[in-house]
């Protein structure tokens, strides 16, 4: 009889690992330009849901016609870590004649509520000079 009662207790205590109870959250960052690019400004925002992370970035004051790369990284601007996702997950920031650019990436991973993340914008695929960076903060 003791085992029967224990079985009921254990079965009700099991967790369904396929159930995803992620509460949507919003993250934001102001992109700070590197010293060599003082006219550059930008914003980044992410929405995290059970499906993953929808991340967008926008720039102004960039060189018209440029094609910049960008990515989300673990860590902070001062100490960036591993990139989240692949390079192909992040479409290029194609700068318009007015010096503006925007792009969106949909990542199949969720940001940890207590994690540190930075959005880094670089000059190009060939030249990885940092143009701007912003630390994402959960709102």
N, C-alpha and C. Protein backbone atom coordinates (compact mmCIF):
# COMPACT_ATOMS: atom_id res chain seq x y z
N UNK A 1 0.82 -1.19 0.00
CA UNK A 1 0.00 0.00 0.00
C UNK A 1 0.86 1.26 0.00
N UNK A 2 1.99 1.21 0.69
CA UNK A 2 2.89 2.35 0.72
C UNK A 2 3.37 2.69 -0.69
N UNK A 3 3.70 1.69 -1.50
CA UNK A 3 4.18 1.93 -2.86
C UNK A 3 3.09 2.52 -3.75
N UNK A 4 1.86 2.11 -3.56
CA UNK A 4 0.76 2.66 -4.36
C UNK A 4 0.60 4.14 -4.08
N UNK A 5 0.67 4.55 -2.85
CA UNK A 5 0.55 5.97 -2.49
C UNK A 5 1.73 6.76 -3.01
N UNK A 6 2.92 6.17 -2.94
CA UNK A 6 4.12 6.82 -3.44
C UNK A 6 4.04 7.01 -4.96
N UNK A 7 3.49 6.01 -5.66
CA UNK A 7 3.34 6.11 -7.11
C UNK A 7 2.44 7.25 -7.51
N UNK A 8 1.36 7.47 -6.79
CA UNK A 8 0.45 8.58 -7.07
C UNK A 8 1.16 9.90 -6.83
N UNK A 9 1.92 9.98 -5.72
CA UNK A 9 2.64 11.21 -5.42
C UNK A 9 3.68 11.51 -6.49
N UNK A 10 4.43 10.49 -6.92
CA UNK A 10 5.45 10.72 -7.93
C UNK A 10 4.85 11.10 -9.27
N UNK A 11 3.75 10.47 -9.65
CA UNK A 11 3.17 10.78 -10.96
C UNK A 11 2.63 12.20 -11.00
N UNK A 12 2.15 12.72 -9.90
CA UNK A 12 1.65 14.10 -9.91
C UNK A 12 2.79 15.09 -9.82
N UNK A 13 3.97 14.64 -9.39
CA UNK A 13 5.11 15.54 -9.27
C UNK A 13 5.93 15.61 -10.55
N UNK A 14 5.66 14.76 -11.53
CA UNK A 14 6.41 14.77 -12.78
C UNK A 14 6.16 16.06 -13.54
N UNK A 15 7.19 16.51 -14.23
CA UNK A 15 7.11 17.73 -15.01
C UNK A 15 7.08 17.36 -16.48
N UNK A 16 6.21 17.98 -17.23
CA UNK A 16 6.14 17.75 -18.67
C UNK A 16 7.24 18.58 -19.33
N UNK A 17 8.32 17.92 -19.77
CA UNK A 17 9.44 18.64 -20.37
C UNK A 17 9.11 19.22 -21.73
N UNK A 18 8.04 18.78 -22.35
CA UNK A 18 7.64 19.33 -23.64
C UNK A 18 6.83 20.60 -23.51
N UNK A 19 6.39 20.90 -22.30
CA UNK A 19 5.59 22.10 -22.08
C UNK A 19 6.53 23.29 -21.92
N UNK A 20 6.26 24.37 -22.62
CA UNK A 20 7.12 25.54 -22.57
C UNK A 20 6.33 26.71 -22.02
N UNK A 21 6.63 27.10 -20.79
CA UNK A 21 5.90 28.16 -20.12
C UNK A 21 6.65 29.49 -20.14
N UNK A 22 7.35 29.78 -21.22
CA UNK A 22 8.11 31.02 -21.30
C UNK A 22 7.13 32.19 -21.39
N UNK A 23 7.28 33.12 -20.48
CA UNK A 23 6.48 34.34 -20.52
C UNK A 23 7.17 35.31 -21.49
N UNK A 24 6.43 35.91 -22.40
CA UNK A 24 7.06 36.86 -23.32
C UNK A 24 7.75 37.98 -22.55
N UNK A 25 8.90 38.37 -23.05
CA UNK A 25 9.62 39.49 -22.44
C UNK A 25 10.23 40.35 -23.54
N UNK A 26 10.45 41.60 -23.20
CA UNK A 26 11.02 42.56 -24.14
C UNK A 26 12.36 43.05 -23.60
N UNK A 27 13.31 43.18 -24.50
CA UNK A 27 14.66 43.64 -24.17
C UNK A 27 14.98 44.82 -25.08
N UNK A 28 15.74 45.79 -24.59
CA UNK A 28 16.10 46.96 -25.40
C UNK A 28 17.55 47.35 -25.16
N UNK A 29 18.13 48.01 -26.16
CA UNK A 29 19.50 48.52 -26.04
C UNK A 29 19.66 49.77 -26.89
N UNK A 30 20.43 50.70 -26.38
CA UNK A 30 20.89 51.83 -27.17
C UNK A 30 22.29 51.48 -27.65
N UNK A 31 22.49 51.56 -28.95
CA UNK A 31 23.80 51.23 -29.51
C UNK A 31 24.72 52.45 -29.38
N UNK A 32 25.84 52.24 -28.73
CA UNK A 32 26.82 53.30 -28.54
C UNK A 32 27.89 53.16 -29.62
N UNK A 33 28.20 54.26 -30.32
CA UNK A 33 29.20 54.16 -31.40
C UNK A 33 30.61 53.99 -30.85
N UNK A 34 31.44 53.32 -31.61
CA UNK A 34 32.87 53.24 -31.30
C UNK A 34 33.45 54.64 -31.50
N UNK A 35 34.55 54.98 -30.81
CA UNK A 35 35.13 56.32 -30.91
C UNK A 35 35.41 56.79 -32.34
N UNK A 36 35.75 55.89 -33.24
CA UNK A 36 36.05 56.27 -34.62
C UNK A 36 34.80 56.58 -35.44
N UNK A 37 33.60 56.34 -34.88
CA UNK A 37 32.34 56.55 -35.61
C UNK A 37 31.36 57.37 -34.76
N UNK A 38 31.75 58.59 -34.38
CA UNK A 38 30.93 59.37 -33.44
C UNK A 38 29.55 59.77 -33.95
N UNK A 39 29.34 59.81 -35.25
CA UNK A 39 28.05 60.21 -35.80
C UNK A 39 27.02 59.09 -35.87
N UNK A 40 27.44 57.90 -35.53
CA UNK A 40 26.56 56.74 -35.62
C UNK A 40 25.68 56.64 -34.38
N UNK A 41 24.42 56.27 -34.58
CA UNK A 41 23.48 56.04 -33.47
C UNK A 41 22.63 54.83 -33.82
N UNK A 42 22.06 54.21 -32.81
CA UNK A 42 21.22 53.07 -33.10
C UNK A 42 20.49 52.53 -31.90
N UNK A 43 19.55 51.67 -32.19
CA UNK A 43 18.72 51.01 -31.17
C UNK A 43 18.62 49.53 -31.55
N UNK A 44 18.37 48.71 -30.54
CA UNK A 44 18.09 47.30 -30.76
C UNK A 44 16.98 46.90 -29.80
N UNK A 45 16.17 45.96 -30.22
CA UNK A 45 15.10 45.45 -29.36
C UNK A 45 14.89 43.97 -29.66
N UNK A 46 14.50 43.24 -28.63
CA UNK A 46 14.23 41.82 -28.78
C UNK A 46 12.95 41.48 -28.05
N UNK A 47 12.17 40.59 -28.65
CA UNK A 47 10.98 40.03 -28.01
C UNK A 47 11.21 38.54 -27.91
N UNK A 48 11.16 38.05 -26.68
CA UNK A 48 11.38 36.63 -26.43
C UNK A 48 10.03 35.98 -26.16
N UNK A 49 9.78 34.88 -26.85
CA UNK A 49 8.54 34.12 -26.66
C UNK A 49 8.88 32.64 -26.65
N UNK A 50 7.87 31.82 -26.52
CA UNK A 50 8.09 30.37 -26.53
C UNK A 50 8.72 29.91 -27.84
N UNK A 51 8.49 30.63 -28.93
CA UNK A 51 9.01 30.26 -30.24
C UNK A 51 10.48 30.63 -30.43
N UNK A 52 11.01 31.53 -29.61
CA UNK A 52 12.39 31.97 -29.75
C UNK A 52 12.51 33.45 -29.51
N UNK A 53 13.45 34.08 -30.20
CA UNK A 53 13.73 35.50 -30.02
C UNK A 53 13.66 36.22 -31.35
N UNK A 54 12.87 37.28 -31.40
CA UNK A 54 12.77 38.15 -32.56
C UNK A 54 13.59 39.39 -32.23
N UNK A 55 14.67 39.62 -32.96
CA UNK A 55 15.62 40.68 -32.65
C UNK A 55 15.71 41.65 -33.82
N UNK A 56 15.60 42.94 -33.51
CA UNK A 56 15.72 43.96 -34.55
C UNK A 56 16.75 44.99 -34.17
N UNK A 57 17.37 45.60 -35.20
CA UNK A 57 18.37 46.63 -34.97
C UNK A 57 18.18 47.73 -36.01
N UNK A 58 18.42 48.96 -35.59
CA UNK A 58 18.33 50.09 -36.50
C UNK A 58 19.50 51.04 -36.28
N UNK A 59 20.02 51.60 -37.37
CA UNK A 59 21.14 52.54 -37.32
C UNK A 59 20.78 53.83 -38.02
N UNK A 60 21.42 54.90 -37.60
CA UNK A 60 21.36 56.15 -38.34
C UNK A 60 22.76 56.77 -38.28
N UNK A 61 23.04 57.64 -39.24
CA UNK A 61 24.35 58.27 -39.30
C UNK A 61 25.44 57.38 -39.89
N UNK A 62 25.04 56.32 -40.57
CA UNK A 62 26.01 55.40 -41.18
C UNK A 62 26.35 55.88 -42.60
N UNK A 63 27.39 55.34 -43.16
CA UNK A 63 27.83 55.69 -44.51
C UNK A 63 26.87 55.12 -45.54
N UNK A 64 26.26 55.99 -46.38
CA UNK A 64 25.34 55.49 -47.40
C UNK A 64 25.99 54.44 -48.30
N UNK A 65 25.22 53.39 -48.57
CA UNK A 65 25.69 52.31 -49.43
C UNK A 65 26.46 51.21 -48.70
N UNK A 66 26.80 51.42 -47.44
CA UNK A 66 27.55 50.41 -46.70
C UNK A 66 26.68 49.20 -46.38
N UNK A 67 27.32 48.08 -46.15
CA UNK A 67 26.66 46.82 -45.77
C UNK A 67 27.33 46.35 -44.49
N UNK A 68 26.70 46.59 -43.35
CA UNK A 68 27.29 46.23 -42.07
C UNK A 68 26.76 44.89 -41.57
N UNK A 69 27.61 44.19 -40.80
CA UNK A 69 27.19 42.94 -40.16
C UNK A 69 26.85 43.23 -38.71
N UNK A 70 26.06 42.35 -38.14
CA UNK A 70 25.65 42.52 -36.74
C UNK A 70 25.29 41.16 -36.17
N UNK A 71 25.27 41.07 -34.85
CA UNK A 71 24.92 39.81 -34.21
C UNK A 71 24.65 40.04 -32.73
N UNK A 72 23.96 39.10 -32.15
CA UNK A 72 23.72 39.06 -30.70
C UNK A 72 24.78 38.16 -30.09
N UNK A 73 25.38 38.63 -29.01
CA UNK A 73 26.43 37.86 -28.34
C UNK A 73 26.11 37.71 -26.87
N UNK A 74 26.56 36.62 -26.29
CA UNK A 74 26.51 36.47 -24.84
C UNK A 74 27.45 37.50 -24.24
N UNK A 75 27.18 37.96 -23.03
CA UNK A 75 28.07 38.89 -22.36
C UNK A 75 27.65 40.33 -22.55
N UNK A 76 28.62 41.22 -22.47
CA UNK A 76 28.37 42.66 -22.55
C UNK A 76 29.28 43.27 -23.62
N UNK A 77 29.07 44.55 -23.90
CA UNK A 77 29.93 45.23 -24.86
C UNK A 77 31.38 45.25 -24.37
N UNK A 78 31.57 45.39 -23.06
CA UNK A 78 32.92 45.41 -22.50
C UNK A 78 33.58 44.04 -22.57
N UNK A 79 32.77 42.98 -22.49
CA UNK A 79 33.30 41.63 -22.49
C UNK A 79 32.36 40.71 -23.27
N UNK A 80 32.33 40.87 -24.62
CA UNK A 80 31.43 40.02 -25.42
C UNK A 80 31.90 38.58 -25.46
N UNK A 81 30.93 37.68 -25.46
CA UNK A 81 31.23 36.26 -25.53
C UNK A 81 30.81 35.67 -26.86
N UNK A 82 30.41 34.43 -26.81
CA UNK A 82 30.03 33.67 -27.99
C UNK A 82 28.82 34.27 -28.70
N UNK A 83 28.84 34.23 -30.02
CA UNK A 83 27.71 34.67 -30.83
C UNK A 83 26.55 33.70 -30.67
N UNK A 84 25.34 34.23 -30.62
CA UNK A 84 24.14 33.40 -30.58
C UNK A 84 23.65 33.22 -32.01
N UNK A 85 23.55 31.99 -32.45
CA UNK A 85 23.13 31.72 -33.82
C UNK A 85 24.30 31.76 -34.79
N UNK A 86 23.96 31.62 -36.04
CA UNK A 86 24.95 31.59 -37.12
C UNK A 86 24.99 32.94 -37.83
N UNK A 87 26.08 33.23 -38.54
CA UNK A 87 26.18 34.47 -39.31
C UNK A 87 24.99 34.62 -40.26
N UNK A 88 24.55 33.51 -40.84
CA UNK A 88 23.44 33.56 -41.80
C UNK A 88 22.10 33.91 -41.16
N UNK A 89 22.01 33.87 -39.84
CA UNK A 89 20.77 34.26 -39.14
C UNK A 89 20.56 35.77 -39.15
N UNK A 90 21.63 36.52 -39.44
CA UNK A 90 21.59 37.98 -39.34
C UNK A 90 21.73 38.62 -40.72
N UNK A 91 20.63 39.14 -41.28
CA UNK A 91 20.74 39.82 -42.57
C UNK A 91 21.60 41.09 -42.45
N UNK A 92 22.27 41.44 -43.51
CA UNK A 92 23.12 42.63 -43.51
C UNK A 92 22.31 43.90 -43.26
N UNK A 93 22.96 44.86 -42.63
CA UNK A 93 22.38 46.18 -42.47
C UNK A 93 22.77 46.98 -43.71
N UNK A 94 21.85 47.12 -44.65
CA UNK A 94 22.09 47.84 -45.90
C UNK A 94 21.74 49.31 -45.67
N UNK A 95 22.74 50.16 -45.69
CA UNK A 95 22.55 51.58 -45.38
C UNK A 95 21.99 52.33 -46.58
N UNK A 96 20.90 53.06 -46.35
CA UNK A 96 20.24 53.84 -47.40
C UNK A 96 21.01 55.13 -47.68
N UNK A 97 20.54 55.87 -48.69
CA UNK A 97 21.16 57.15 -49.03
C UNK A 97 21.07 58.16 -47.88
N UNK A 98 20.11 57.96 -46.99
CA UNK A 98 19.95 58.87 -45.85
C UNK A 98 20.78 58.43 -44.63
N UNK A 99 21.56 57.35 -44.78
CA UNK A 99 22.43 56.89 -43.70
C UNK A 99 21.74 56.00 -42.68
N UNK A 100 20.56 55.51 -43.04
CA UNK A 100 19.81 54.65 -42.11
C UNK A 100 19.79 53.21 -42.59
N UNK A 101 19.69 52.29 -41.62
CA UNK A 101 19.61 50.87 -41.94
C UNK A 101 18.85 50.16 -40.83
N UNK A 102 18.15 49.10 -41.19
CA UNK A 102 17.44 48.29 -40.20
C UNK A 102 17.41 46.85 -40.68
N UNK A 103 17.39 45.93 -39.72
CA UNK A 103 17.32 44.51 -40.05
C UNK A 103 16.70 43.77 -38.88
N UNK A 104 16.20 42.58 -39.18
CA UNK A 104 15.56 41.75 -38.17
C UNK A 104 16.05 40.31 -38.31
N UNK A 105 16.24 39.68 -37.16
CA UNK A 105 16.64 38.27 -37.14
C UNK A 105 15.69 37.52 -36.22
N UNK A 106 15.32 36.32 -36.64
CA UNK A 106 14.48 35.47 -35.81
C UNK A 106 15.36 34.29 -35.40
N UNK A 107 15.64 34.22 -34.11
CA UNK A 107 16.53 33.19 -33.57
C UNK A 107 15.69 32.12 -32.90
N UNK A 108 16.07 30.89 -33.07
CA UNK A 108 15.33 29.77 -32.51
C UNK A 108 15.67 29.48 -31.06
N UNK A 109 16.25 30.43 -30.38
CA UNK A 109 16.62 30.26 -28.98
C UNK A 109 16.02 31.39 -28.15
N UNK A 110 15.86 31.13 -26.88
CA UNK A 110 15.29 32.13 -25.98
C UNK A 110 16.39 32.73 -25.11
N UNK A 111 16.28 34.01 -24.81
CA UNK A 111 17.22 34.65 -23.91
C UNK A 111 16.86 34.28 -22.48
N UNK A 112 17.85 33.94 -21.68
CA UNK A 112 17.62 33.64 -20.27
C UNK A 112 17.29 34.94 -19.54
N UNK A 113 16.29 34.90 -18.70
CA UNK A 113 15.83 36.10 -18.00
C UNK A 113 16.94 36.82 -17.25
N UNK A 114 17.91 36.08 -16.75
CA UNK A 114 18.99 36.69 -15.97
C UNK A 114 20.30 36.74 -16.75
N UNK A 115 20.22 36.56 -18.07
CA UNK A 115 21.43 36.55 -18.90
C UNK A 115 21.90 37.94 -19.27
N UNK A 116 23.13 38.00 -19.75
CA UNK A 116 23.71 39.24 -20.27
C UNK A 116 23.94 39.07 -21.76
N UNK A 117 23.49 40.06 -22.53
CA UNK A 117 23.57 39.97 -23.99
C UNK A 117 23.95 41.33 -24.57
N UNK A 118 24.70 41.31 -25.66
CA UNK A 118 25.10 42.54 -26.34
C UNK A 118 24.84 42.40 -27.83
N UNK A 119 24.37 43.47 -28.44
CA UNK A 119 24.21 43.55 -29.89
C UNK A 119 25.42 44.30 -30.42
N UNK A 120 26.16 43.65 -31.31
CA UNK A 120 27.40 44.22 -31.84
C UNK A 120 27.24 44.44 -33.35
N UNK A 121 27.57 45.64 -33.82
CA UNK A 121 27.54 45.98 -35.24
C UNK A 121 28.99 46.16 -35.70
N UNK A 122 29.32 45.50 -36.81
CA UNK A 122 30.68 45.53 -37.33
C UNK A 122 30.69 46.13 -38.74
N UNK A 123 31.86 46.59 -39.16
CA UNK A 123 32.00 47.26 -40.45
C UNK A 123 31.56 46.37 -41.61
N UNK A 124 32.06 45.13 -41.66
CA UNK A 124 31.69 44.22 -42.74
C UNK A 124 32.13 42.81 -42.37
N UNK A 125 31.83 41.87 -43.26
CA UNK A 125 32.27 40.50 -43.04
C UNK A 125 33.79 40.42 -43.08
N UNK A 126 34.41 41.14 -43.99
CA UNK A 126 35.87 41.10 -44.14
C UNK A 126 36.59 41.94 -43.09
N UNK A 127 35.98 43.04 -42.68
CA UNK A 127 36.58 43.95 -41.69
C UNK A 127 35.70 43.96 -40.45
N UNK A 128 36.14 43.28 -39.40
CA UNK A 128 35.32 43.12 -38.20
C UNK A 128 35.50 44.26 -37.18
N UNK A 129 35.93 45.42 -37.67
CA UNK A 129 36.01 46.59 -36.80
C UNK A 129 34.63 46.87 -36.20
N UNK A 130 34.58 47.08 -34.91
CA UNK A 130 33.30 47.37 -34.24
C UNK A 130 32.86 48.80 -34.52
N UNK A 131 31.63 48.95 -35.02
CA UNK A 131 31.04 50.27 -35.25
C UNK A 131 30.27 50.74 -34.02
N UNK A 132 29.50 49.82 -33.45
CA UNK A 132 28.64 50.18 -32.32
C UNK A 132 28.30 48.92 -31.54
N UNK A 133 27.87 49.15 -30.30
CA UNK A 133 27.48 48.03 -29.44
C UNK A 133 26.47 48.53 -28.41
N UNK A 134 25.57 47.66 -28.02
CA UNK A 134 24.59 47.99 -26.98
C UNK A 134 24.29 46.78 -26.12
N UNK A 135 24.24 46.98 -24.82
CA UNK A 135 23.88 45.90 -23.90
C UNK A 135 22.37 45.82 -23.79
N UNK A 136 21.80 44.65 -24.07
CA UNK A 136 20.36 44.47 -23.96
C UNK A 136 19.97 44.42 -22.49
N UNK A 137 18.89 45.11 -22.17
CA UNK A 137 18.35 45.09 -20.80
C UNK A 137 16.87 44.67 -20.90
N UNK A 138 16.49 43.77 -20.03
CA UNK A 138 15.09 43.29 -20.01
C UNK A 138 14.21 44.36 -19.40
N UNK A 139 13.06 44.61 -20.06
CA UNK A 139 12.10 45.62 -19.58
C UNK A 139 10.92 44.96 -18.92
